[in-house]
């Protein structure tokens, strides 16, 4: 099986590549080659029992998607995107990268007319939903995004469903929870503070909290998110029937509950590094985000995530800090 990761330089893309290199298989199919694609250079390739190539390119550029499809991947993980805060601030860039790039990819796949068609796993977002919300959003809740990022993701979901219906691709869209705790440096995502208030204090650094402690959100760890991607790739879109978008499991908790979990694990000296500095722009964006899901359909298909925020923090400590607390 030939596997391509678009957005391979990102956190999830890199962790996914490491997972594939470790496993060597997708389900029962042995991986024969891996292509890592991004606009910036990805981290050094993992040691693997198969060939690993790295390509630089922007999927929204003319001809770039055709080059990728000409590599003849059997499976494509499409993780590339402009994140929420940046997509809201730069309207044209958000639509060019998040929508045009995906449409270019689907058209290149359609025109290549491979037999069998490639499987496509696309990272969507819970930002496709907009307020007002029920206490827990079910699988039948409508998509009515309140941000440009959410709108772009919702359009891509529809495109992937339609191209799959027509038999051009075997696609599925995974509505990811907010991934927390993200390693590395802060990015431009409006949701970034959810990770920042855990990651930076654990590294002995101050972190800014721009919203109220009462803000509630839906989370899963990077470890769980990579597991979602691999499980979806093994399962295939046919398991979803005509509804090719799937809301994934996560954990609903407030910022106060995040901080309490951090204090239980690392102590008050660590949580004292969290500084409250309200940001009206971030507060406005976050106020329109969903807070809780039941995700029954995904759970029935075998997807699972953490049950407590303590587990999410410990996944970060184990995977990024060598299991050592400050």
Protein backbone atom coordinates (compact mmCIF):
# COMPACT_ATOMS: atom_id res chain seq x y z
CA UNK A 1 0.00 0.00 0.00
CA UNK A 2 1.26 3.45 -1.00
CA UNK A 3 0.34 6.10 1.58
CA UNK A 4 0.46 9.89 1.26
CA UNK A 5 0.19 12.38 4.12
CA UNK A 6 -0.72 15.93 3.08
CA UNK A 7 0.19 18.34 5.86
CA UNK A 8 2.99 16.04 6.99
CA UNK A 9 5.01 18.84 8.60
CA UNK A 10 2.26 19.53 11.12
CA UNK A 11 2.03 17.98 14.55
CA UNK A 12 -0.52 15.33 13.63
CA UNK A 13 1.13 14.63 10.28
CA UNK A 14 4.47 13.95 11.92
CA UNK A 15 2.98 11.80 14.66
CA UNK A 16 0.99 9.86 12.06
CA UNK A 17 4.15 9.21 10.03
CA UNK A 18 5.87 7.90 13.16
CA UNK A 19 2.91 5.61 13.86
CA UNK A 20 2.89 4.25 10.30
CA UNK A 21 6.65 3.68 10.41
CA UNK A 22 6.25 1.79 13.68
CA UNK A 23 3.32 -0.35 12.55
CA UNK A 24 4.34 -0.94 8.94
CA UNK A 25 0.76 -1.80 8.03
CA UNK A 26 -2.73 -0.34 7.60
CA UNK A 27 -5.01 -3.10 8.80
CA UNK A 28 -3.75 -6.17 6.95
CA UNK A 29 -2.15 -4.19 4.11
CA UNK A 30 1.61 -3.79 4.27
CA UNK A 31 2.84 -0.24 3.61
CA UNK A 32 5.25 -0.19 0.65
CA UNK A 33 5.93 3.57 0.43
CA UNK A 34 5.11 6.80 2.26
CA UNK A 35 4.93 10.27 0.72
CA UNK A 36 5.07 13.26 3.08
CA UNK A 37 3.73 16.44 1.47
CA UNK A 38 3.61 19.99 2.86
CA UNK A 39 4.38 23.63 2.04
CA UNK A 40 7.26 23.56 4.53
CA UNK A 41 9.88 20.94 5.16
CA UNK A 42 8.67 18.16 7.43
CA UNK A 43 10.79 16.89 10.34
CA UNK A 44 13.38 14.23 9.49
CA UNK A 45 11.69 11.09 8.15
CA UNK A 46 11.16 8.24 10.60
CA UNK A 47 13.12 5.03 10.28
CA UNK A 48 10.81 2.67 8.45
CA UNK A 49 10.78 -0.65 6.66
CA UNK A 50 9.60 1.07 3.48
CA UNK A 51 10.61 4.02 1.29
CA UNK A 52 9.80 7.49 2.66
CA UNK A 53 9.70 10.49 0.29
CA UNK A 54 9.24 14.15 1.19
CA UNK A 55 7.74 16.64 -1.30
CA UNK A 56 7.37 20.40 -0.91
CA UNK A 57 4.33 22.02 -2.48
CA UNK A 58 1.09 23.95 -1.98
CA UNK A 59 -1.99 21.92 -2.83
CA UNK A 60 -3.81 25.08 -3.88
CA UNK A 61 -1.22 25.82 -6.60
CA UNK A 62 -2.07 24.83 -10.18
CA UNK A 63 -0.80 21.35 -11.00
CA UNK A 64 0.34 20.45 -7.48
CA UNK A 65 -2.52 18.05 -6.75
CA UNK A 66 -1.93 16.32 -10.07
CA UNK A 67 1.71 15.71 -9.11
CA UNK A 68 0.65 14.15 -5.85
CA UNK A 69 -1.97 11.92 -7.46
CA UNK A 70 0.54 10.88 -10.16
CA UNK A 71 2.53 9.26 -7.33
CA UNK A 72 -0.41 6.79 -7.30
CA UNK A 73 -1.26 6.65 -3.59
CA UNK A 74 -3.69 3.99 -2.42
CA UNK A 75 -4.44 5.95 0.74
CA UNK A 76 -4.32 9.72 1.31
CA UNK A 77 -4.46 11.42 4.69
CA UNK A 78 -5.45 15.06 4.02
CA UNK A 79 -4.48 16.99 7.16
CA UNK A 80 -3.35 20.28 5.59
CA UNK A 81 -5.24 23.43 6.59
CA UNK A 82 -5.02 27.04 7.66
CA UNK A 83 -6.05 26.99 11.31
CA UNK A 84 -9.15 28.67 12.71
CA UNK A 85 -7.77 32.02 13.90
CA UNK A 86 -5.72 32.55 10.73
CA UNK A 87 -8.61 31.54 8.46
CA UNK A 88 -10.81 34.10 10.21
CA UNK A 89 -8.18 36.85 9.97
CA UNK A 90 -7.18 36.16 6.34
CA UNK A 91 -10.39 35.38 4.44
CA UNK A 92 -8.79 34.82 1.02
CA UNK A 93 -5.97 32.62 2.32
CA UNK A 94 -8.39 30.48 4.32
CA UNK A 95 -10.57 29.73 1.29
CA UNK A 96 -7.59 29.21 -1.01
CA UNK A 97 -5.88 26.69 1.26
CA UNK A 98 -8.79 25.03 3.04
CA UNK A 99 -11.28 24.86 0.19
CA UNK A 100 -9.44 25.28 -3.14
CA UNK A 101 -6.66 22.89 -2.14
CA UNK A 102 -9.15 20.19 -1.23
CA UNK A 103 -11.18 20.72 -4.42
CA UNK A 104 -7.97 20.54 -6.47
CA UNK A 105 -7.13 17.22 -4.83
CA UNK A 106 -10.57 15.75 -5.46
CA UNK A 107 -10.53 16.85 -9.09
CA UNK A 108 -7.06 15.39 -9.62
CA UNK A 109 -8.24 12.09 -8.15
CA UNK A 110 -11.37 12.12 -10.33
CA UNK A 111 -9.44 12.80 -13.54
CA UNK A 112 -6.82 10.15 -12.76
CA UNK A 113 -9.63 7.56 -12.64
CA UNK A 114 -7.59 4.98 -10.76
CA UNK A 115 -9.07 1.52 -10.29
CA UNK A 116 -9.47 0.92 -7.41
CA UNK A 117 -9.98 4.50 -6.37
CA UNK A 118 -7.79 5.81 -3.52
CA UNK A 119 -9.08 6.02 0.02
CA UNK A 120 -9.14 9.58 1.42
CA UNK A 121 -9.19 10.43 5.14
CA UNK A 122 -9.86 14.15 5.64
CA UNK A 123 -9.55 15.99 8.94
CA UNK A 124 -12.64 18.09 9.40
CA UNK A 125 -13.57 19.87 12.62
CA UNK A 126 -16.32 20.35 15.17
CA UNK A 127 -16.22 23.97 13.95
CA UNK A 128 -18.75 22.86 11.28
CA UNK A 129 -21.38 23.27 14.01
CA UNK A 130 -22.71 26.59 15.24
CA UNK A 131 -24.72 27.82 18.23
CA UNK A 132 -27.30 27.51 19.64
CA UNK A 133 -26.51 23.99 20.81
CA UNK A 134 -28.30 21.29 22.78
CA UNK A 135 -26.66 19.99 25.96
CA UNK A 136 -24.94 17.30 23.90
CA UNK A 137 -24.78 17.47 20.11
CA UNK A 138 -26.01 14.28 18.48
CA UNK A 139 -25.18 12.72 15.14
CA UNK A 140 -28.28 14.27 13.55
CA UNK A 141 -27.47 17.88 14.48
CA UNK A 142 -27.22 20.24 11.52
CA UNK A 143 -24.00 21.88 10.34
CA UNK A 144 -24.30 25.68 10.60
CA UNK A 145 -20.77 27.05 11.15
CA UNK A 146 -20.19 30.52 12.57
CA UNK A 147 -16.60 30.96 11.33
CA UNK A 148 -14.93 30.95 7.93
CA UNK A 149 -12.82 27.97 9.02
CA UNK A 150 -15.91 25.99 9.97
CA UNK A 151 -17.59 26.94 6.71
CA UNK A 152 -14.59 25.79 4.68
CA UNK A 153 -14.52 22.46 6.49
CA UNK A 154 -18.28 21.96 6.02
CA UNK A 155 -18.00 22.60 2.27
CA UNK A 156 -15.16 20.09 2.01
CA UNK A 157 -17.27 17.50 3.83
CA UNK A 158 -20.01 17.91 1.24
CA UNK A 159 -17.55 17.65 -1.64
CA UNK A 160 -15.98 14.48 -0.26
CA UNK A 161 -19.41 12.92 0.23
CA UNK A 162 -20.45 13.77 -3.32
CA UNK A 163 -17.21 12.58 -4.95
CA UNK A 164 -17.53 9.37 -2.92
CA UNK A 165 -21.16 8.93 -3.97
CA UNK A 166 -20.08 9.21 -7.60
CA UNK A 167 -17.37 6.60 -7.07
CA UNK A 168 -14.44 8.93 -7.78
CA UNK A 169 -12.87 8.40 -4.33
CA UNK A 170 -13.46 6.41 -1.15
CA UNK A 171 -13.57 9.37 1.21
CA UNK A 172 -14.48 10.15 4.78
CA UNK A 173 -14.36 13.32 6.89
CA UNK A 174 -13.38 13.08 10.54
CA UNK A 175 -14.76 15.86 12.75
CA UNK A 176 -11.86 16.08 15.14
CA UNK A 177 -12.21 17.36 18.71
CA UNK A 178 -9.77 20.11 19.64
CA UNK A 179 -6.46 18.27 19.97
CA UNK A 180 -4.95 18.93 23.38
CA UNK A 181 -2.25 19.01 24.62
CA UNK A 182 -0.46 19.98 21.42
CA UNK A 183 3.36 19.83 21.67
CA UNK A 184 5.64 22.50 20.26
CA UNK A 185 5.14 26.24 20.03
CA UNK A 186 1.78 28.08 20.08
CA UNK A 187 0.12 28.42 16.65
CA UNK A 188 -2.51 30.81 15.29
CA UNK A 189 -5.48 28.59 16.10
CA UNK A 190 -8.08 30.33 18.23
CA UNK A 191 -8.21 27.11 20.28
CA UNK A 192 -4.47 27.18 20.95
CA UNK A 193 -4.83 28.44 24.52
CA UNK A 194 -6.42 25.12 25.58
CA UNK A 195 -3.01 23.51 25.03
CA UNK A 196 -0.94 26.54 26.00
CA UNK A 197 -2.28 26.67 29.57
CA UNK A 198 -1.10 23.08 30.09
CA UNK A 199 2.05 22.85 27.95
CA UNK A 200 3.80 26.07 28.93
CA UNK A 201 3.35 25.72 32.72
CA UNK A 202 4.64 22.14 32.55
CA UNK A 203 7.74 23.62 30.88
CA UNK A 204 8.11 26.27 33.61
CA UNK A 205 6.79 29.09 31.41
CA UNK A 206 3.88 31.50 31.79
CA UNK A 207 0.76 30.96 29.69
CA UNK A 208 -2.00 33.40 28.80
CA UNK A 209 -5.64 32.43 29.33
CA UNK A 210 -7.80 34.71 27.12
CA UNK A 211 -11.24 33.35 28.11
CA UNK A 212 -13.25 32.73 31.27
CA UNK A 213 -12.69 29.63 33.39
CA UNK A 214 -16.29 28.61 32.67
CA UNK A 215 -15.64 28.03 28.94
CA UNK A 216 -16.42 24.41 28.09
CA UNK A 217 -14.99 22.55 25.11
CA UNK A 218 -14.48 19.12 23.47
CA UNK A 219 -10.98 17.61 23.58
CA UNK A 220 -8.92 14.57 22.65
CA UNK A 221 -5.17 13.97 22.92
CA UNK A 222 -2.79 13.81 19.94
CA UNK A 223 -2.41 10.12 20.76
CA UNK A 224 -6.15 9.59 20.38
CA UNK A 225 -6.30 11.74 17.22
CA UNK A 226 -3.65 9.64 15.46
CA UNK A 227 -5.58 6.56 16.50
CA UNK A 228 -8.72 8.02 14.90
CA UNK A 229 -6.87 8.53 11.61
CA UNK A 230 -5.44 5.03 11.49
CA UNK A 231 -8.72 3.38 12.47
CA UNK A 232 -10.63 5.33 9.81
CA UNK A 233 -8.09 4.36 7.16
CA UNK A 234 -8.41 0.70 8.11
CA UNK A 235 -12.21 0.86 8.17
CA UNK A 236 -12.83 2.63 4.85
CA UNK A 237 -15.60 5.00 3.89
CA UNK A 238 -18.09 2.27 2.96
CA UNK A 239 -18.62 1.61 6.68
CA UNK A 240 -20.16 5.07 6.93
CA UNK A 241 -22.71 4.52 4.17
CA UNK A 242 -23.96 7.70 2.54
CA UNK A 243 -23.02 9.87 5.52
CA UNK A 244 -19.30 10.19 5.03
CA UNK A 245 -18.70 12.72 7.85
CA UNK A 246 -18.18 11.36 11.36
CA UNK A 247 -18.12 13.24 14.67
CA UNK A 248 -15.45 11.64 16.84
CA UNK A 249 -15.43 10.93 20.59
CA UNK A 250 -13.81 13.32 23.01
CA UNK A 251 -13.99 14.74 26.50
CA UNK A 252 -16.17 17.72 27.44
CA UNK A 253 -14.67 19.85 30.20
CA UNK A 254 -14.33 23.47 31.31
CA UNK A 255 -11.15 25.49 31.49
CA UNK A 256 -11.50 25.36 35.27
CA UNK A 257 -11.55 21.56 35.09
CA UNK A 258 -8.45 21.60 32.89
CA UNK A 259 -6.61 23.73 35.44
CA UNK A 260 -7.81 21.56 38.33
CA UNK A 261 -6.48 18.46 36.55
CA UNK A 262 -3.13 20.18 36.00
CA UNK A 263 -2.97 21.11 39.67
CA UNK A 264 -3.70 17.53 40.74
CA UNK A 265 -0.91 16.25 38.53
CA UNK A 266 1.76 18.97 38.80
CA UNK A 267 0.84 21.17 41.77
CA UNK A 268 -0.08 24.78 42.48
CA UNK A 269 3.32 26.19 41.51
CA UNK A 270 2.65 25.05 37.94
CA UNK A 271 -0.92 26.39 37.71
CA UNK A 272 0.27 29.72 39.16
CA UNK A 273 2.01 30.30 35.83
CA UNK A 274 -1.38 30.72 34.09
CA UNK A 275 -2.11 34.45 33.64
CA UNK A 276 -5.60 35.69 32.81
CA UNK A 277 -5.63 38.26 30.01
CA UNK A 278 -9.09 38.51 28.34
CA UNK A 279 -9.06 38.71 24.54
CA UNK A 280 -12.39 39.79 23.03
CA UNK A 281 -11.61 38.34 19.60
CA UNK A 282 -10.81 34.90 21.00
CA UNK A 283 -13.77 35.03 23.37
CA UNK A 284 -16.11 35.87 20.49
CA UNK A 285 -14.83 33.01 18.32
CA UNK A 286 -14.92 30.46 21.13
CA UNK A 287 -18.43 31.49 22.22
CA UNK A 288 -19.80 30.03 18.97
CA UNK A 289 -18.07 26.68 19.34
CA UNK A 290 -19.75 23.44 20.43
CA UNK A 291 -19.13 22.20 23.95
CA UNK A 292 -20.29 18.60 24.17
CA UNK A 293 -21.22 15.63 21.94
CA UNK A 294 -22.54 12.15 22.42
CA UNK A 295 -20.68 10.80 19.29
CA UNK A 296 -22.70 7.58 19.47
CA UNK A 297 -22.17 6.66 15.83
CA UNK A 298 -18.39 6.81 16.14
CA UNK A 299 -18.37 4.94 19.45
CA UNK A 300 -20.55 2.21 17.93
CA UNK A 301 -17.91 1.88 15.20
CA UNK A 302 -15.23 1.36 17.85
CA UNK A 303 -13.66 4.82 18.09
CA UNK A 304 -12.65 5.88 21.61
CA UNK A 305 -10.76 8.62 23.43
CA UNK A 306 -9.80 9.66 26.96
CA UNK A 307 -12.36 9.70 29.78
CA UNK A 308 -10.73 12.37 31.98
CA UNK A 309 -8.57 15.43 31.39
CA UNK A 310 -6.02 13.91 33.76
CA UNK A 311 -5.54 11.18 31.13
CA UNK A 312 -5.04 13.80 28.42
CA UNK A 313 -2.36 15.59 30.47
CA UNK A 314 -0.60 12.32 31.28
CA UNK A 315 -0.57 11.36 27.59
CA UNK A 316 1.32 14.60 26.97
CA UNK A 317 3.70 13.99 29.88
CA UNK A 318 4.45 10.46 28.67
CA UNK A 319 4.74 11.25 24.95
CA UNK A 320 6.47 14.65 25.08
CA UNK A 321 8.18 14.97 28.48
CA UNK A 322 9.53 11.46 28.88
CA UNK A 323 7.09 10.81 31.70
CA UNK A 324 8.76 13.43 33.91
CA UNK A 325 6.83 16.11 35.79
CA UNK A 326 8.36 19.45 36.86
